[in-house]
Amino acid sequence: MPRPRFDTLAHERQEAILDVALQEFSAHGFAGASLNRIIAQAGVSKGSMYYYFDSKEDLYAHLLRVQVGQMIAQAGPFPVPAATEPDAYWSTIENHCLRLVAALDTSPQLKSLLRDWMSGTGSRATQHASGDAEQAVLPWLAEALAAGQAIGAIRTDVSDDLLLDISTAIGRVLDSRVIAKATDPHDQAAAVHTVLAILRRAIQP
């Protein structure tokens, strides 16, 4: 998380610092990125940077949060499926996923950042960022699952917690396929379709 002084900066100044950080982390990965290069290119002093972030890890984690949030905003909105029958329900879910993939493809730097993060930059700060992202999605996912149950698209014989756990676990597989492995748009669409078919078989009645 950024320190309070970063939040008091003008929005344009925050964006300028994060833009430099995005270029550095996407080009070199977390391990190879230099906080000193970010400081120099952003035109801030080292002392000031440590008033903004406690460490390189905290800057990286905050950048992940901001970039993923912007991607979701660009692809949204994502209404809870209002379909009245299962096939239409799952088609809506697949369309939501494809829109996220398309939004991700507009930012090669973000894709590189996420690929680096998924490859094993497992610091406490980035784990917290990942947890924050999942927690932000859970209310929508819970509503979407409830909507599916109401029309017979989702099973009702297991607990809501288990449905959420299964859905998020399979969602991580989809993230891995789309971000770390599939690069061709056709392959990405195929990955979305295949993984959602697996999810559907797991949680349909």
Protein backbone atom coordinates (compact mmCIF):
# COMPACT_ATOMS: atom_id res chain seq x y z
CA MET A 1 0.00 0.00 0.00
CA PRO A 2 1.20 3.54 -0.62
CA ARG A 3 1.97 5.70 2.36
CA PRO A 4 -0.45 8.57 3.08
CA ARG A 5 1.83 11.19 1.52
CA PHE A 6 1.49 9.54 -1.91
CA ASP A 7 -2.29 9.88 -1.71
CA THR A 8 -1.93 13.62 -1.13
CA LEU A 9 -0.02 14.12 -4.39
CA ALA A 10 -1.84 15.59 -7.37
CA HIS A 11 -3.44 12.86 -9.48
CA GLU A 12 -1.23 13.77 -12.44
CA ARG A 13 1.90 13.36 -10.32
CA GLN A 14 0.76 9.99 -9.04
CA GLU A 15 0.11 8.85 -12.61
CA ALA A 16 3.53 10.06 -13.75
CA ILE A 17 5.30 8.03 -11.05
CA LEU A 18 3.20 4.93 -11.74
CA ASP A 19 3.75 5.23 -15.51
CA VAL A 20 7.51 5.15 -14.99
CA ALA A 21 7.12 2.20 -12.60
CA LEU A 22 4.99 0.34 -15.16
CA GLN A 23 7.65 0.80 -17.84
CA GLU A 24 10.40 -0.42 -15.52
CA PHE A 25 8.58 -3.43 -14.06
CA SER A 26 7.12 -4.56 -17.38
CA ALA A 27 10.51 -4.32 -19.09
CA HIS A 28 12.64 -5.94 -16.39
CA GLY A 29 10.28 -7.86 -14.11
CA PHE A 30 10.21 -7.37 -10.37
CA ALA A 31 13.59 -8.98 -9.76
CA GLY A 32 15.40 -7.00 -12.44
CA ALA A 33 13.67 -3.67 -11.93
CA SER A 34 15.65 -0.90 -10.29
CA LEU A 35 13.96 1.40 -7.82
CA ASN A 36 16.81 3.86 -8.40
CA ARG A 37 15.99 3.96 -12.13
CA ILE A 38 12.34 4.59 -11.32
CA ILE A 39 13.31 7.39 -8.94
CA ALA A 40 15.59 9.01 -11.52
CA GLN A 41 13.16 8.74 -14.43
CA ALA A 42 10.22 9.94 -12.35
CA GLY A 43 12.21 12.98 -11.25
CA VAL A 44 11.78 12.47 -7.51
CA SER A 45 14.36 12.23 -4.77
CA LYS A 46 15.07 8.94 -3.04
CA GLY A 47 13.92 10.45 0.23
CA SER A 48 10.61 11.49 -1.31
CA MET A 49 10.03 8.04 -2.81
CA TYR A 50 10.38 6.44 0.60
CA TYR A 51 7.77 8.86 1.88
CA TYR A 52 5.47 7.44 -0.81
CA PHE A 53 6.26 3.71 -0.58
CA ASP A 54 8.06 1.62 2.02
CA SER A 55 9.81 -0.54 -0.58
CA LYS A 56 10.00 -1.66 -4.19
CA GLU A 57 7.56 -4.44 -3.27
CA ASP A 58 4.97 -1.94 -2.06
CA LEU A 59 5.28 0.12 -5.24
CA TYR A 60 4.94 -3.04 -7.35
CA ALA A 61 1.87 -4.21 -5.41
CA HIS A 62 0.17 -0.81 -5.65
CA LEU A 63 0.89 -0.68 -9.38
CA LEU A 64 -0.77 -4.09 -9.78
CA ARG A 65 -3.88 -2.90 -7.95
CA VAL A 66 -4.15 0.28 -9.99
CA GLN A 67 -3.51 -1.35 -13.37
CA VAL A 68 -5.95 -4.22 -12.81
CA GLY A 69 -8.59 -1.78 -11.58
CA GLN A 70 -8.16 0.36 -14.69
CA MET A 71 -8.40 -2.70 -16.94
CA ILE A 72 -11.65 -3.82 -15.31
CA ALA A 73 -13.08 -0.30 -15.58
CA GLN A 74 -12.13 -0.19 -19.26
CA ALA A 75 -13.84 -3.52 -19.96
CA GLY A 76 -16.92 -2.93 -17.77
CA PRO A 77 -19.62 -2.68 -16.72
CA PHE A 78 -20.28 -6.29 -15.79
CA PRO A 79 -23.93 -6.69 -14.80
CA VAL A 80 -24.95 -9.87 -13.02
CA PRO A 81 -26.35 -12.18 -15.72
CA ALA A 82 -30.08 -11.60 -16.15
CA ALA A 83 -30.62 -14.63 -18.39
CA THR A 84 -33.64 -16.84 -17.80
CA GLU A 85 -32.14 -20.14 -18.97
CA PRO A 86 -28.76 -21.84 -18.42
CA ASP A 87 -27.23 -21.57 -21.91
CA ALA A 88 -27.84 -17.83 -22.07
CA TYR A 89 -26.49 -17.45 -18.53
CA TRP A 90 -23.20 -19.15 -19.38
CA SER A 91 -22.97 -17.24 -22.64
CA THR A 92 -23.13 -13.99 -20.64
CA ILE A 93 -20.37 -15.18 -18.30
CA GLU A 94 -18.19 -16.11 -21.27
CA ASN A 95 -18.79 -12.72 -22.88
CA HIS A 96 -17.71 -10.98 -19.67
CA CYS A 97 -14.47 -13.01 -19.65
CA LEU A 98 -13.76 -12.29 -23.32
CA ARG A 99 -14.19 -8.56 -22.71
CA LEU A 100 -11.62 -8.72 -19.92
CA VAL A 101 -9.21 -10.59 -22.21
CA ALA A 102 -9.71 -7.97 -24.93
CA ALA A 103 -9.06 -5.16 -22.45
CA LEU A 104 -5.89 -6.90 -21.27
CA ASP A 105 -4.66 -7.22 -24.84
CA THR A 106 -4.75 -3.44 -25.26
CA SER A 107 -1.95 -3.12 -22.67
CA PRO A 108 1.09 -5.29 -23.42
CA GLN A 109 2.85 -3.67 -20.46
CA LEU A 110 0.13 -4.77 -18.05
CA LYS A 111 0.18 -8.26 -19.52
CA SER A 112 3.94 -8.40 -19.03
CA LEU A 113 3.53 -7.16 -15.46
CA LEU A 114 0.92 -9.80 -14.67
CA ARG A 115 2.97 -12.53 -16.33
CA ASP A 116 5.94 -11.61 -14.15
CA TRP A 117 3.74 -11.56 -11.04
CA MET A 118 2.26 -14.98 -11.83
CA SER A 119 5.71 -16.44 -12.45
CA GLY A 120 6.48 -16.29 -8.75
CA THR A 121 7.01 -12.80 -7.34
CA GLY A 122 5.43 -13.99 -4.11
CA SER A 123 6.25 -11.22 -1.67
CA ARG A 124 3.87 -10.42 1.16
CA ALA A 125 2.92 -7.14 -0.52
CA THR A 126 2.02 -8.79 -3.83
CA GLN A 127 0.14 -11.57 -2.05
CA HIS A 128 -1.92 -8.87 -0.34
CA ALA A 129 -2.53 -7.20 -3.71
CA SER A 130 -3.72 -10.51 -5.14
CA GLY A 131 -5.97 -11.06 -2.15
CA ASP A 132 -7.42 -7.57 -2.52
CA ALA A 133 -8.22 -8.25 -6.18
CA GLU A 134 -10.03 -11.48 -5.33
CA GLN A 135 -11.94 -9.88 -2.47
CA ALA A 136 -13.10 -7.10 -4.80
CA VAL A 137 -14.56 -9.66 -7.21
CA LEU A 138 -16.21 -11.95 -4.63
CA PRO A 139 -19.42 -9.90 -4.07
CA TRP A 140 -20.13 -9.86 -7.82
CA LEU A 141 -19.28 -13.55 -8.14
CA ALA A 142 -21.59 -14.44 -5.24
CA GLU A 143 -24.44 -12.52 -6.90
CA ALA A 144 -23.73 -14.15 -10.25
CA LEU A 145 -23.79 -17.62 -8.71
CA ALA A 146 -27.06 -16.85 -6.91
CA ALA A 147 -28.57 -15.64 -10.19
CA GLY A 148 -27.48 -18.89 -11.81
CA GLN A 149 -29.04 -20.93 -9.03
CA ALA A 150 -32.33 -19.06 -9.46
CA ILE A 151 -32.67 -20.25 -13.07
CA GLY A 152 -31.30 -23.75 -12.61
CA ALA A 153 -27.87 -23.08 -14.11
CA ILE A 154 -25.96 -23.63 -10.84
CA ARG A 155 -26.38 -26.46 -8.36
CA THR A 156 -27.96 -25.77 -4.99
CA ASP A 157 -26.92 -28.93 -3.14
CA VAL A 158 -23.56 -27.56 -1.96
CA SER A 159 -22.68 -24.57 0.21
CA ASP A 160 -22.21 -21.10 -1.23
CA ASP A 161 -18.68 -21.04 0.18
CA LEU A 162 -17.75 -24.19 -1.73
CA LEU A 163 -19.20 -22.80 -4.96
CA LEU A 164 -17.12 -19.65 -4.50
CA ASP A 165 -13.98 -21.66 -3.76
CA ILE A 166 -14.44 -23.85 -6.85
CA SER A 167 -15.18 -20.85 -9.07
CA THR A 168 -12.19 -18.82 -7.87
CA ALA A 169 -9.84 -21.81 -8.15
CA ILE A 170 -10.88 -22.49 -11.73
CA GLY A 171 -10.73 -18.74 -12.38
CA ARG A 172 -7.06 -18.79 -11.41
CA VAL A 173 -6.49 -21.52 -13.99
CA LEU A 174 -8.11 -19.29 -16.61
CA ASP A 175 -5.93 -16.36 -15.55
CA SER A 176 -2.85 -18.52 -15.94
CA ARG A 177 -3.85 -19.78 -19.38
CA VAL A 178 -4.72 -16.36 -20.78
CA ILE A 179 -1.92 -14.34 -19.18
CA ALA A 180 1.01 -16.71 -19.01
CA LYS A 181 0.45 -19.10 -21.90
CA ALA A 182 -2.04 -18.14 -24.61
CA THR A 183 -0.97 -15.12 -26.68
CA ASP A 184 -2.94 -15.54 -29.91
CA PRO A 185 -6.50 -14.11 -29.66
CA HIS A 186 -7.96 -17.35 -31.06
CA ASP A 187 -6.08 -19.39 -28.44
CA GLN A 188 -7.24 -17.01 -25.71
CA ALA A 189 -10.88 -17.34 -26.77
CA ALA A 190 -10.49 -21.12 -26.90
CA ALA A 191 -8.98 -21.12 -23.41
CA VAL A 192 -11.89 -19.06 -22.05
CA HIS A 193 -14.42 -21.41 -23.66
CA THR A 194 -12.68 -24.57 -22.44
CA VAL A 195 -12.10 -23.46 -18.86
CA LEU A 196 -15.66 -22.15 -18.50
CA ALA A 197 -16.97 -25.45 -19.86
CA ILE A 198 -15.01 -27.21 -17.10
CA LEU A 199 -16.43 -24.80 -14.52
CA ARG A 200 -19.94 -25.35 -15.85
CA ARG A 201 -19.61 -29.11 -15.57
CA ALA A 202 -18.34 -28.73 -12.01
CA ILE A 203 -21.11 -26.53 -10.64
CA GLN A 204 -24.18 -27.15 -12.78
CA PRO A 205 -27.00 -29.34 -11.37
